[in-house]
Amino acid sequence: MLDHDPNVDVRHSVRLLLSDRHAPEARALFLLLARYIHGRVGRRCAGRYYGIMGSAEQEDLVADVLTMLISGALARFEGHTVASLLTFVRTMTDRTVGHAARARIRERDALNGDAATDVEHWSSRELRPDQVLRFVVESPFSDADCAYLTDLFRAGTKAEYARTHGVSRAAVTQRVQRIRARVAHMADQDQALAHSWLEHLAWRSERGELAVSA
């Protein structure tokens, strides 16, 4: 097996990997390279380039190196042993990781430097649809519950509501629990409406739209 004999001649396996990837030897070589590249990328990103690229980006780098190897880079390999092959792959992997990391560092420095404002203007700053459009759904709550919940969101916390309305916090908690129990017994459609209505109420609260005008 390739894993256990670093001195085995790999030329035949390399040729198979480039021409007949379904052959057992080609598959074994592919798995060996994939494991090696994955480990090498992880070590480089955990060492010299610590904190530069996340796990998803590292997986992309592994895929990039494998693609480059199978797409033609392996045809330039002139060695015969697993050791020489892994040296060849290590060089390509390190170069690929280094290039990607340096590009990310330049990008990070540009965003944090004096030109940050200019760079920001180059990128789209359009808001997501859910940040622009808000659909007001019909409330499934009673008028009393609607008013209570609106006042509760306006206060911000149960403690603040209790203080401003002269009631105990326990009383506020009990009222909220009763409302939750009523929601739990609603039909599925009404439960969805309740959650959407509450989300809209929270959004209005964050924007200050529930504040009492002086």
C-alpha atoms as a PDB file:
ATOM      1  CA  MET A   1       0.000   0.000   0.000  1.00  0.00           C
ATOM      2  CA  LEU A   2       1.113   3.535  -0.775  1.00  0.00           C
ATOM      3  CA  ASP A   3       0.607   4.667   2.818  1.00  0.00           C
ATOM      4  CA  HIS A   4       2.948   2.045   4.244  1.00  0.00           C
ATOM      5  CA  ASP A   5       5.795   2.016   1.737  1.00  0.00           C
ATOM      6  CA  PRO A   6       7.233   5.491   1.043  1.00  0.00           C
ATOM      7  CA  ASN A   7       9.739   4.015  -1.431  1.00  0.00           C
ATOM      8  CA  VAL A   8       7.256   2.273  -3.751  1.00  0.00           C
ATOM      9  CA  ASP A   9       7.365   3.438  -7.391  1.00  0.00           C
ATOM     10  CA  VAL A  10       4.278   5.643  -7.881  1.00  0.00           C
ATOM     11  CA  ARG A  11       4.712   6.439 -11.576  1.00  0.00           C
ATOM     12  CA  HIS A  12       2.129   3.832 -12.589  1.00  0.00           C
ATOM     13  CA  SER A  13      -0.391   5.087 -10.023  1.00  0.00           C
ATOM     14  CA  VAL A  14       0.143   8.670 -11.166  1.00  0.00           C
ATOM     15  CA  ARG A  15      -0.501   7.702 -14.787  1.00  0.00           C
ATOM     16  CA  LEU A  16      -3.670   5.872 -13.760  1.00  0.00           C
ATOM     17  CA  LEU A  17      -4.879   8.856 -11.744  1.00  0.00           C
ATOM     18  CA  LEU A  18      -4.486  11.054 -14.828  1.00  0.00           C
ATOM     19  CA  SER A  19      -6.107   8.591 -17.234  1.00  0.00           C
ATOM     20  CA  ASP A  20      -8.331   6.119 -15.370  1.00  0.00           C
ATOM     21  CA  ARG A  21      -9.429   7.549 -12.039  1.00  0.00           C
ATOM     22  CA  HIS A  22     -11.691   4.570 -11.264  1.00  0.00           C
ATOM     23  CA  ALA A  23      -8.831   2.100 -11.017  1.00  0.00           C
ATOM     24  CA  PRO A  24      -8.133   0.896  -7.447  1.00  0.00           C
ATOM     25  CA  GLU A  25      -4.551   2.176  -7.540  1.00  0.00           C
ATOM     26  CA  ALA A  26      -5.680   5.566  -8.789  1.00  0.00           C
ATOM     27  CA  ARG A  27      -8.294   5.772  -6.035  1.00  0.00           C
ATOM     28  CA  ALA A  28      -5.719   4.826  -3.400  1.00  0.00           C
ATOM     29  CA  LEU A  29      -3.346   7.522  -4.638  1.00  0.00           C
ATOM     30  CA  PHE A  30      -6.128  10.102  -4.729  1.00  0.00           C
ATOM     31  CA  LEU A  31      -7.107   9.360  -1.124  1.00  0.00           C
ATOM     32  CA  LEU A  32      -3.468   9.536  -0.043  1.00  0.00           C
ATOM     33  CA  LEU A  33      -3.046  12.940  -1.678  1.00  0.00           C
ATOM     34  CA  ALA A  34      -6.355  14.230  -0.341  1.00  0.00           C
ATOM     35  CA  ARG A  35      -5.454  13.295   3.242  1.00  0.00           C
ATOM     36  CA  TYR A  36      -1.961  14.752   2.907  1.00  0.00           C
ATOM     37  CA  ILE A  37      -3.166  18.047   1.384  1.00  0.00           C
ATOM     38  CA  HIS A  38      -5.921  18.394   3.977  1.00  0.00           C
ATOM     39  CA  GLY A  39      -3.425  17.941   6.790  1.00  0.00           C
ATOM     40  CA  ARG A  40      -0.857  20.257   5.206  1.00  0.00           C
ATOM     41  CA  VAL A  41      -3.397  23.042   4.636  1.00  0.00           C
ATOM     42  CA  GLY A  42      -4.623  22.696   8.210  1.00  0.00           C
ATOM     43  CA  ARG A  43      -1.115  22.892   9.640  1.00  0.00           C
ATOM     44  CA  ARG A  44      -0.167  25.936   7.573  1.00  0.00           C
ATOM     45  CA  CYS A  45      -3.373  27.754   8.490  1.00  0.00           C
ATOM     46  CA  ALA A  46      -2.957  26.850  12.168  1.00  0.00           C
ATOM     47  CA  GLY A  47       0.684  27.907  12.180  1.00  0.00           C
ATOM     48  CA  ARG A  48       2.098  30.619   9.988  1.00  0.00           C
ATOM     49  CA  TYR A  49      -1.302  31.861   8.816  1.00  0.00           C
ATOM     50  CA  TYR A  50      -3.213  31.431  12.065  1.00  0.00           C
ATOM     51  CA  GLY A  51      -6.575  33.201  12.097  1.00  0.00           C
ATOM     52  CA  ILE A  52      -6.400  34.251   8.444  1.00  0.00           C
ATOM     53  CA  MET A  53      -8.746  31.711   6.868  1.00  0.00           C
ATOM     54  CA  GLY A  54     -11.679  29.776   8.225  1.00  0.00           C
ATOM     55  CA  SER A  55     -12.474  26.089   7.841  1.00  0.00           C
ATOM     56  CA  ALA A  56     -14.631  26.608   4.743  1.00  0.00           C
ATOM     57  CA  GLU A  57     -11.840  28.494   2.994  1.00  0.00           C
ATOM     58  CA  GLN A  58      -9.362  25.788   3.958  1.00  0.00           C
ATOM     59  CA  GLU A  59     -11.599  23.125   2.425  1.00  0.00           C
ATOM     60  CA  ASP A  60     -11.736  25.205  -0.763  1.00  0.00           C
ATOM     61  CA  LEU A  61      -7.934  25.310  -0.822  1.00  0.00           C
ATOM     62  CA  VAL A  62      -7.748  21.518  -0.501  1.00  0.00           C
ATOM     63  CA  ALA A  63     -10.130  21.188  -3.450  1.00  0.00           C
ATOM     64  CA  ASP A  64      -8.138  23.741  -5.454  1.00  0.00           C
ATOM     65  CA  VAL A  65      -4.856  21.872  -4.980  1.00  0.00           C
ATOM     66  CA  LEU A  66      -6.428  18.521  -5.892  1.00  0.00           C
ATOM     67  CA  THR A  67      -7.987  20.041  -8.999  1.00  0.00           C
ATOM     68  CA  MET A  68      -4.672  21.549 -10.094  1.00  0.00           C
ATOM     69  CA  LEU A  69      -2.889  18.238  -9.586  1.00  0.00           C
ATOM     70  CA  ILE A  70      -5.367  16.160 -11.557  1.00  0.00           C
ATOM     71  CA  SER A  71      -5.844  18.831 -14.220  1.00  0.00           C
ATOM     72  CA  GLY A  72      -2.216  18.720 -15.299  1.00  0.00           C
ATOM     73  CA  ALA A  73       0.244  19.502 -12.531  1.00  0.00           C
ATOM     74  CA  LEU A  74       0.888  15.802 -11.840  1.00  0.00           C
ATOM     75  CA  ALA A  75       1.997  15.367 -15.438  1.00  0.00           C
ATOM     76  CA  ARG A  76       5.055  17.467 -14.567  1.00  0.00           C
ATOM     77  CA  PHE A  77       6.037  15.170 -11.682  1.00  0.00           C
ATOM     78  CA  GLU A  78       9.283  13.371 -12.569  1.00  0.00           C
ATOM     79  CA  GLY A  79       9.979  11.451  -9.361  1.00  0.00           C
ATOM     80  CA  HIS A  80       9.323   7.798  -8.587  1.00  0.00           C
ATOM     81  CA  THR A  81       8.721   7.496  -4.837  1.00  0.00           C
ATOM     82  CA  VAL A  82       5.879   8.472  -2.547  1.00  0.00           C
ATOM     83  CA  ALA A  83       8.312  10.662  -0.640  1.00  0.00           C
ATOM     84  CA  SER A  84       9.242  12.648  -3.738  1.00  0.00           C
ATOM     85  CA  LEU A  85       5.603  12.893  -4.770  1.00  0.00           C
ATOM     86  CA  LEU A  86       4.591  14.278  -1.378  1.00  0.00           C
ATOM     87  CA  THR A  87       7.439  16.782  -1.564  1.00  0.00           C
ATOM     88  CA  PHE A  88       6.087  17.903  -4.944  1.00  0.00           C
ATOM     89  CA  VAL A  89       2.546  18.171  -3.539  1.00  0.00           C
ATOM     90  CA  ARG A  90       3.746  19.947  -0.389  1.00  0.00           C
ATOM     91  CA  THR A  91       5.444  22.649  -2.467  1.00  0.00           C
ATOM     92  CA  MET A  92       2.289  23.216  -4.518  1.00  0.00           C
ATOM     93  CA  THR A  93       0.098  23.213  -1.410  1.00  0.00           C
ATOM     94  CA  ASP A  94       2.295  25.685   0.458  1.00  0.00           C
ATOM     95  CA  ARG A  95       2.351  28.016  -2.532  1.00  0.00           C
ATOM     96  CA  THR A  96      -1.423  27.854  -2.897  1.00  0.00           C
ATOM     97  CA  VAL A  97      -2.024  28.496   0.806  1.00  0.00           C
ATOM     98  CA  GLY A  98       0.541  31.294   0.880  1.00  0.00           C
ATOM     99  CA  HIS A  99      -0.950  33.029  -2.143  1.00  0.00           C
ATOM    100  CA  ALA A 100      -4.487  32.847  -0.712  1.00  0.00           C
ATOM    101  CA  ALA A 101      -3.366  33.963   2.767  1.00  0.00           C
ATOM    102  CA  ARG A 102      -1.386  36.936   1.460  1.00  0.00           C
ATOM    103  CA  ALA A 103      -4.351  38.005  -0.649  1.00  0.00           C
ATOM    104  CA  ARG A 104      -6.600  37.825   2.422  1.00  0.00           C
ATOM    105  CA  ILE A 105      -4.067  39.792   4.494  1.00  0.00           C
ATOM    106  CA  ARG A 106      -3.910  42.527   1.840  1.00  0.00           C
ATOM    107  CA  GLU A 107      -7.689  42.645   1.769  1.00  0.00           C
ATOM    108  CA  ARG A 108      -7.877  42.851   5.566  1.00  0.00           C
ATOM    109  CA  ASP A 109      -5.236  45.585   5.729  1.00  0.00           C
ATOM    110  CA  ALA A 110      -7.019  47.568   3.036  1.00  0.00           C
ATOM    111  CA  LEU A 111     -10.308  47.384   4.931  1.00  0.00           C
ATOM    112  CA  ASN A 112      -8.637  48.429   8.179  1.00  0.00           C
ATOM    113  CA  GLY A 113      -6.328  51.095   6.746  1.00  0.00           C
ATOM    114  CA  ASP A 114      -6.660  54.677   5.590  1.00  0.00           C
ATOM    115  CA  ALA A 115      -8.346  53.589   2.377  1.00  0.00           C
ATOM    116  CA  ALA A 116     -11.112  51.704   4.193  1.00  0.00           C
ATOM    117  CA  THR A 117     -13.760  54.254   3.209  1.00  0.00           C
ATOM    118  CA  ASP A 118     -12.774  54.079  -0.451  1.00  0.00           C
ATOM    119  CA  VAL A 119     -12.781  50.270  -0.395  1.00  0.00           C
ATOM    120  CA  GLU A 120     -16.201  50.253   1.213  1.00  0.00           C
ATOM    121  CA  HIS A 121     -17.561  52.343  -1.648  1.00  0.00           C
ATOM    122  CA  TRP A 122     -16.278  49.758  -4.143  1.00  0.00           C
ATOM    123  CA  SER A 123     -18.485  47.091  -2.596  1.00  0.00           C
ATOM    124  CA  SER A 124     -22.227  46.876  -2.758  1.00  0.00           C
ATOM    125  CA  ARG A 125     -23.916  48.151   0.368  1.00  0.00           C
ATOM    126  CA  GLU A 126     -27.440  47.193  -0.666  1.00  0.00           C
ATOM    127  CA  LEU A 127     -29.570  45.907   2.155  1.00  0.00           C
ATOM    128  CA  ARG A 128     -31.188  42.505   2.117  1.00  0.00           C
ATOM    129  CA  PRO A 129     -34.889  42.447   1.207  1.00  0.00           C
ATOM    130  CA  ASP A 130     -35.808  41.567   4.800  1.00  0.00           C
ATOM    131  CA  GLN A 131     -33.981  44.721   5.935  1.00  0.00           C
ATOM    132  CA  VAL A 132     -35.979  46.932   3.599  1.00  0.00           C
ATOM    133  CA  LEU A 133     -39.427  45.366   3.333  1.00  0.00           C
ATOM    134  CA  ARG A 134     -41.659  44.655   6.300  1.00  0.00           C
ATOM    135  CA  PHE A 135     -45.076  43.085   5.905  1.00  0.00           C
ATOM    136  CA  VAL A 136     -47.456  43.750   8.774  1.00  0.00           C
ATOM    137  CA  VAL A 137     -49.353  40.558   9.513  1.00  0.00           C
ATOM    138  CA  GLU A 138     -52.709  40.376  11.199  1.00  0.00           C
ATOM    139  CA  SER A 139     -52.389  39.734  14.899  1.00  0.00           C
ATOM    140  CA  PRO A 140     -53.989  36.540  16.219  1.00  0.00           C
ATOM    141  CA  PHE A 141     -53.922  37.966  19.769  1.00  0.00           C
ATOM    142  CA  SER A 142     -56.841  39.573  21.537  1.00  0.00           C
ATOM    143  CA  ASP A 143     -56.894  43.363  21.770  1.00  0.00           C
ATOM    144  CA  ALA A 144     -55.928  43.140  25.439  1.00  0.00           C
ATOM    145  CA  ASP A 145     -52.956  40.871  24.711  1.00  0.00           C
ATOM    146  CA  CYS A 146     -51.866  43.077  21.801  1.00  0.00           C
ATOM    147  CA  ALA A 147     -51.866  46.140  24.024  1.00  0.00           C
ATOM    148  CA  TYR A 148     -50.060  44.300  26.811  1.00  0.00           C
ATOM    149  CA  LEU A 149     -47.333  42.954  24.536  1.00  0.00           C
ATOM    150  CA  THR A 150     -46.865  46.319  22.881  1.00  0.00           C
ATOM    151  CA  ASP A 151     -46.393  47.972  26.260  1.00  0.00           C
ATOM    152  CA  LEU A 152     -43.999  45.208  27.305  1.00  0.00           C
ATOM    153  CA  PHE A 153     -41.812  45.698  24.231  1.00  0.00           C
ATOM    154  CA  ARG A 154     -41.985  49.439  24.732  1.00  0.00           C
ATOM    155  CA  ALA A 155     -40.675  49.035  28.289  1.00  0.00           C
ATOM    156  CA  GLY A 156     -37.847  46.820  27.045  1.00  0.00           C
ATOM    157  CA  THR A 157     -37.722  44.428  29.992  1.00  0.00           C
ATOM    158  CA  LYS A 158     -40.147  42.777  32.397  1.00  0.00           C
ATOM    159  CA  ALA A 159     -38.512  44.582  35.291  1.00  0.00           C
ATOM    160  CA  GLU A 160     -38.972  47.984  33.644  1.00  0.00           C
ATOM    161  CA  TYR A 161     -42.580  47.200  32.778  1.00  0.00           C
ATOM    162  CA  ALA A 162     -43.238  46.169  36.381  1.00  0.00           C
ATOM    163  CA  ARG A 163     -41.640  49.363  37.678  1.00  0.00           C
ATOM    164  CA  THR A 164     -43.515  51.728  35.364  1.00  0.00           C
ATOM    165  CA  HIS A 165     -46.876  49.997  35.823  1.00  0.00           C
ATOM    166  CA  GLY A 166     -46.627  49.461  39.563  1.00  0.00           C
ATOM    167  CA  VAL A 167     -46.883  45.682  39.481  1.00  0.00           C
ATOM    168  CA  SER A 168     -44.579  42.882  40.563  1.00  0.00           C
ATOM    169  CA  ARG A 169     -42.221  41.234  38.125  1.00  0.00           C
ATOM    170  CA  ALA A 170     -43.818  37.906  39.045  1.00  0.00           C
ATOM    171  CA  ALA A 171     -47.161  39.223  37.836  1.00  0.00           C
ATOM    172  CA  VAL A 172     -45.603  40.218  34.518  1.00  0.00           C
ATOM    173  CA  THR A 173     -44.017  36.781  34.151  1.00  0.00           C
ATOM    174  CA  GLN A 174     -47.334  35.059  34.892  1.00  0.00           C
ATOM    175  CA  ARG A 175     -49.135  37.183  32.288  1.00  0.00           C
ATOM    176  CA  VAL A 176     -46.509  36.363  29.675  1.00  0.00           C
ATOM    177  CA  GLN A 177     -46.753  32.662  30.497  1.00  0.00           C
ATOM    178  CA  ARG A 178     -50.543  32.767  30.043  1.00  0.00           C
ATOM    179  CA  ILE A 179     -50.098  34.403  26.631  1.00  0.00           C
ATOM    180  CA  ARG A 180     -47.544  31.750  25.657  1.00  0.00           C
ATOM    181  CA  ALA A 181     -49.970  29.025  26.719  1.00  0.00           C
ATOM    182  CA  ARG A 182     -52.657  30.532  24.499  1.00  0.00           C
ATOM    183  CA  VAL A 183     -50.231  30.604  21.576  1.00  0.00           C
ATOM    184  CA  ALA A 184     -49.333  26.949  22.173  1.00  0.00           C
ATOM    185  CA  HIS A 185     -53.026  26.016  21.787  1.00  0.00           C
ATOM    186  CA  MET A 186     -53.492  27.988  18.566  1.00  0.00           C
ATOM    187  CA  ALA A 187     -53.702  26.341  15.164  1.00  0.00           C
ATOM    188  CA  ASP A 188     -50.421  26.098  13.276  1.00  0.00           C
ATOM    189  CA  GLN A 189     -51.305  29.003  10.994  1.00  0.00           C
ATOM    190  CA  ASP A 190     -52.213  31.246  13.925  1.00  0.00           C
ATOM    191  CA  GLN A 191     -48.989  30.282  15.717  1.00  0.00           C
ATOM    192  CA  ALA A 192     -47.018  31.339  12.632  1.00  0.00           C
ATOM    193  CA  LEU A 193     -48.938  34.631  12.580  1.00  0.00           C
ATOM    194  CA  ALA A 194     -48.201  35.149  16.280  1.00  0.00           C
ATOM    195  CA  HIS A 195     -44.470  34.660  15.805  1.00  0.00           C
ATOM    196  CA  SER A 196     -44.394  36.954  12.757  1.00  0.00           C
ATOM    197  CA  TRP A 197     -46.385  39.621  14.594  1.00  0.00           C
ATOM    198  CA  LEU A 198     -44.021  39.463  17.580  1.00  0.00           C
ATOM    199  CA  GLU A 199     -40.971  39.679  15.304  1.00  0.00           C
ATOM    200  CA  HIS A 200     -42.437  42.773  13.698  1.00  0.00           C
ATOM    201  CA  LEU A 201     -43.142  44.222  17.133  1.00  0.00           C
ATOM    202  CA  ALA A 202     -39.536  43.572  18.187  1.00  0.00           C
ATOM    203  CA  TRP A 203     -38.297  45.214  14.974  1.00  0.00           C
ATOM    204  CA  ARG A 204     -40.397  48.300  15.666  1.00  0.00           C
ATOM    205  CA  SER A 205     -39.081  48.399  19.222  1.00  0.00           C
ATOM    206  CA  GLU A 206     -35.465  48.303  17.998  1.00  0.00           C
ATOM    207  CA  ARG A 207     -36.188  51.221  15.658  1.00  0.00           C
ATOM    208  CA  GLY A 208     -37.701  53.245  18.484  1.00  0.00           C
ATOM    209  CA  GLU A 209     -41.126  53.304  16.917  1.00  0.00           C
ATOM    210  CA  LEU A 210     -42.824  52.198  20.138  1.00  0.00           C
ATOM    211  CA  ALA A 211     -41.385  55.009  22.248  1.00  0.00           C
ATOM    212  CA  VAL A 212     -43.957  57.221  23.882  1.00  0.00           C
ATOM    213  CA  SER A 213     -43.692  60.748  22.489  1.00  0.00           C
ATOM    214  CA  ALA A 214     -43.187  63.511  24.993  1.00  0.00           C
END
